Amino acid sequence: MAPCCLEIEMSVKELETAIADLSREEQDELAEWHDRHLEAQWDQQIARDGAAGRLNGLLAEARADIGAGRRKTL
């Protein structure tokens, strides 16, 4: 652990209480951070799945649908 950082362990209940004590602006800031955090996790998972070949079946299916004219314009 870096010397500048504190290690704090909290239960979910303690986190809920701490969040409830935040101002509305701080809760909004936390929600935005959490959204970015979840998006980054999703991106990392998709990248891992792609690198491991777990998306190859979906890609082949999509290419077959396109080749057969089964597609919709988004």
N, C-alpha and C. Protein backbone atom coordinates (compact mmCIF):
# COMPACT_ATOMS: atom_id res chain seq x y z
N MET A 1 0.85 -1.19 0.00
CA MET A 1 0.00 0.00 0.00
C MET A 1 0.89 1.24 0.00
N ALA A 2 0.51 2.22 -0.77
CA ALA A 2 1.27 3.46 -0.84
C ALA A 2 1.19 4.19 0.50
N PRO A 3 2.26 4.88 0.90
CA PRO A 3 2.25 5.55 2.21
C PRO A 3 1.24 6.68 2.30
N CYS A 4 0.75 7.16 1.17
CA CYS A 4 -0.20 8.27 1.20
C CYS A 4 -1.64 7.83 1.39
N CYS A 5 -1.86 6.53 1.36
CA CYS A 5 -3.22 6.02 1.35
C CYS A 5 -3.59 5.36 2.68
N LEU A 6 -4.84 5.46 3.03
CA LEU A 6 -5.35 4.79 4.22
C LEU A 6 -6.10 3.54 3.80
N GLU A 7 -6.00 2.52 4.59
CA GLU A 7 -6.76 1.30 4.32
C GLU A 7 -7.92 1.28 5.31
N ILE A 8 -9.12 1.33 4.76
CA ILE A 8 -10.32 1.37 5.58
C ILE A 8 -11.23 0.25 5.14
N GLU A 9 -11.67 -0.55 6.08
CA GLU A 9 -12.62 -1.60 5.78
C GLU A 9 -13.96 -1.22 6.39
N MET A 10 -15.01 -1.32 5.56
CA MET A 10 -16.35 -0.99 6.02
C MET A 10 -17.30 -2.08 5.54
N SER A 11 -18.30 -2.33 6.34
CA SER A 11 -19.34 -3.26 5.93
C SER A 11 -20.27 -2.54 4.96
N VAL A 12 -21.08 -3.31 4.26
CA VAL A 12 -22.06 -2.71 3.35
C VAL A 12 -22.99 -1.78 4.13
N LYS A 13 -23.40 -2.20 5.31
CA LYS A 13 -24.30 -1.36 6.12
C LYS A 13 -23.61 -0.04 6.48
N GLU A 14 -22.32 -0.11 6.83
CA GLU A 14 -21.59 1.12 7.16
C GLU A 14 -21.46 2.01 5.93
N LEU A 15 -21.25 1.41 4.77
CA LEU A 15 -21.19 2.18 3.54
C LEU A 15 -22.53 2.85 3.26
N GLU A 16 -23.62 2.11 3.42
CA GLU A 16 -24.95 2.67 3.20
C GLU A 16 -25.18 3.88 4.10
N THR A 17 -24.80 3.76 5.36
CA THR A 17 -24.97 4.86 6.31
C THR A 17 -24.12 6.05 5.90
N ALA A 18 -22.87 5.79 5.52
CA ALA A 18 -21.97 6.88 5.10
C ALA A 18 -22.51 7.58 3.86
N ILE A 19 -23.03 6.82 2.92
CA ILE A 19 -23.59 7.41 1.70
C ILE A 19 -24.82 8.25 2.02
N ALA A 20 -25.66 7.74 2.92
CA ALA A 20 -26.86 8.49 3.30
C ALA A 20 -26.49 9.83 3.95
N ASP A 21 -25.33 9.89 4.59
CA ASP A 21 -24.89 11.12 5.25
C ASP A 21 -24.26 12.12 4.28
N LEU A 22 -24.00 11.72 3.04
CA LEU A 22 -23.43 12.64 2.07
C LEU A 22 -24.47 13.67 1.62
N SER A 23 -23.98 14.81 1.16
CA SER A 23 -24.89 15.80 0.57
C SER A 23 -25.40 15.24 -0.76
N ARG A 24 -26.43 15.85 -1.28
CA ARG A 24 -26.99 15.42 -2.56
C ARG A 24 -25.92 15.52 -3.66
N GLU A 25 -25.15 16.59 -3.64
CA GLU A 25 -24.10 16.78 -4.64
C GLU A 25 -23.05 15.67 -4.53
N GLU A 26 -22.68 15.32 -3.31
CA GLU A 26 -21.70 14.25 -3.12
C GLU A 26 -22.26 12.90 -3.55
N GLN A 27 -23.54 12.67 -3.29
CA GLN A 27 -24.17 11.43 -3.74
C GLN A 27 -24.20 11.35 -5.26
N ASP A 28 -24.48 12.48 -5.91
CA ASP A 28 -24.46 12.53 -7.38
C ASP A 28 -23.06 12.23 -7.90
N GLU A 29 -22.04 12.82 -7.26
CA GLU A 29 -20.66 12.59 -7.66
C GLU A 29 -20.29 11.11 -7.49
N LEU A 30 -20.71 10.52 -6.39
CA LEU A 30 -20.45 9.10 -6.14
C LEU A 30 -21.15 8.23 -7.19
N ALA A 31 -22.39 8.58 -7.52
CA ALA A 31 -23.14 7.81 -8.52
C ALA A 31 -22.46 7.89 -9.89
N GLU A 32 -21.96 9.06 -10.25
CA GLU A 32 -21.25 9.21 -11.52
C GLU A 32 -19.97 8.38 -11.51
N TRP A 33 -19.23 8.41 -10.39
CA TRP A 33 -18.01 7.60 -10.29
C TRP A 33 -18.36 6.12 -10.43
N HIS A 34 -19.42 5.70 -9.75
CA HIS A 34 -19.81 4.29 -9.78
C HIS A 34 -20.19 3.86 -11.20
N ASP A 35 -20.91 4.71 -11.91
CA ASP A 35 -21.26 4.41 -13.31
C ASP A 35 -20.00 4.22 -14.15
N ARG A 36 -19.03 5.13 -13.99
CA ARG A 36 -17.78 5.02 -14.75
C ARG A 36 -17.02 3.74 -14.36
N HIS A 37 -17.04 3.41 -13.08
CA HIS A 37 -16.37 2.21 -12.58
C HIS A 37 -16.99 0.95 -13.20
N LEU A 38 -18.32 0.88 -13.22
CA LEU A 38 -19.00 -0.29 -13.80
C LEU A 38 -18.75 -0.38 -15.30
N GLU A 39 -18.76 0.77 -15.98
CA GLU A 39 -18.48 0.77 -17.42
C GLU A 39 -17.07 0.26 -17.70
N ALA A 40 -16.10 0.67 -16.89
CA ALA A 40 -14.73 0.22 -17.08
C ALA A 40 -14.62 -1.29 -16.84
N GLN A 41 -15.32 -1.79 -15.84
CA GLN A 41 -15.31 -3.23 -15.58
C GLN A 41 -15.91 -3.99 -16.76
N TRP A 42 -17.00 -3.47 -17.31
CA TRP A 42 -17.65 -4.10 -18.46
C TRP A 42 -16.69 -4.11 -19.65
N ASP A 43 -16.05 -2.98 -19.92
CA ASP A 43 -15.10 -2.91 -21.04
C ASP A 43 -13.97 -3.92 -20.86
N GLN A 44 -13.46 -4.04 -19.65
CA GLN A 44 -12.37 -4.99 -19.38
C GLN A 44 -12.85 -6.42 -19.59
N GLN A 45 -14.07 -6.73 -19.16
CA GLN A 45 -14.59 -8.08 -19.33
C GLN A 45 -14.78 -8.41 -20.80
N ILE A 46 -15.32 -7.47 -21.58
CA ILE A 46 -15.49 -7.69 -23.02
C ILE A 46 -14.13 -7.91 -23.67
N ALA A 47 -13.13 -7.11 -23.28
CA ALA A 47 -11.79 -7.27 -23.85
C ALA A 47 -11.23 -8.65 -23.51
N ARG A 48 -11.40 -9.11 -22.27
CA ARG A 48 -10.91 -10.43 -21.88
C ARG A 48 -11.64 -11.53 -22.65
N ASP A 49 -12.96 -11.38 -22.78
CA ASP A 49 -13.74 -12.38 -23.51
C ASP A 49 -13.33 -12.42 -24.98
N GLY A 50 -13.10 -11.25 -25.57
CA GLY A 50 -12.67 -11.21 -26.97
C GLY A 50 -11.31 -11.85 -27.15
N ALA A 51 -10.38 -11.53 -26.26
CA ALA A 51 -9.03 -12.09 -26.36
C ALA A 51 -9.04 -13.61 -26.16
N ALA A 52 -9.99 -14.10 -25.37
CA ALA A 52 -10.07 -15.54 -25.10
C ALA A 52 -10.88 -16.28 -26.16
N GLY A 53 -11.44 -15.54 -27.14
CA GLY A 53 -12.21 -16.17 -28.20
C GLY A 53 -13.65 -16.48 -27.85
N ARG A 54 -14.10 -16.02 -26.70
CA ARG A 54 -15.47 -16.33 -26.28
C ARG A 54 -16.54 -15.58 -27.08
N LEU A 55 -16.14 -14.62 -27.88
CA LEU A 55 -17.10 -13.87 -28.70
C LEU A 55 -17.09 -14.34 -30.15
N ASN A 56 -16.25 -15.29 -30.48
CA ASN A 56 -16.11 -15.74 -31.86
C ASN A 56 -17.41 -16.30 -32.42
N GLY A 57 -18.16 -17.03 -31.63
CA GLY A 57 -19.42 -17.60 -32.08
C GLY A 57 -20.43 -16.51 -32.43
N LEU A 58 -20.50 -15.48 -31.59
CA LEU A 58 -21.41 -14.37 -31.87
C LEU A 58 -21.00 -13.61 -33.12
N LEU A 59 -19.69 -13.43 -33.28
CA LEU A 59 -19.19 -12.75 -34.47
C LEU A 59 -19.51 -13.54 -35.74
N ALA A 60 -19.32 -14.84 -35.69
CA ALA A 60 -19.63 -15.69 -36.85
C ALA A 60 -21.12 -15.64 -37.17
N GLU A 61 -21.94 -15.66 -36.13
CA GLU A 61 -23.39 -15.59 -36.33
C GLU A 61 -23.79 -14.26 -36.96
N ALA A 62 -23.20 -13.17 -36.47
CA ALA A 62 -23.51 -11.85 -37.02
C ALA A 62 -23.09 -11.76 -38.49
N ARG A 63 -21.91 -12.27 -38.78
CA ARG A 63 -21.44 -12.24 -40.17
C ARG A 63 -22.34 -13.07 -41.08
N ALA A 64 -22.80 -14.22 -40.58
CA ALA A 64 -23.70 -15.06 -41.37
C ALA A 64 -25.03 -14.34 -41.61
N ASP A 65 -25.55 -13.67 -40.59
CA ASP A 65 -26.80 -12.92 -40.75
C ASP A 65 -26.64 -11.79 -41.76
N ILE A 66 -25.52 -11.09 -41.69
CA ILE A 66 -25.27 -10.00 -42.64
C ILE A 66 -25.16 -10.56 -44.06
N GLY A 67 -24.43 -11.67 -44.19
CA GLY A 67 -24.27 -12.29 -45.51
C GLY A 67 -25.58 -12.77 -46.10
N ALA A 68 -26.52 -13.17 -45.23
CA ALA A 68 -27.81 -13.66 -45.68
C ALA A 68 -28.84 -12.54 -45.81
N GLY A 69 -28.41 -11.31 -45.56
CA GLY A 69 -29.33 -10.17 -45.68
C GLY A 69 -30.24 -10.02 -44.48
N ARG A 70 -29.94 -10.69 -43.40
CA ARG A 70 -30.76 -10.56 -42.18
C ARG A 70 -30.11 -9.53 -41.24
N ARG A 71 -30.39 -8.27 -41.50
CA ARG A 71 -29.87 -7.21 -40.65
C ARG A 71 -30.81 -6.04 -40.66
N LYS A 72 -30.72 -5.23 -39.65
CA LYS A 72 -31.54 -4.05 -39.53
C LYS A 72 -30.61 -2.83 -39.39
N THR A 73 -31.01 -1.74 -39.97
CA THR A 73 -30.28 -0.50 -39.81
C THR A 73 -30.61 0.06 -38.45
N LEU A 74 -29.59 0.40 -37.72
CA LEU A 74 -29.81 0.98 -36.38
C LEU A 74 -29.97 2.46 -36.45
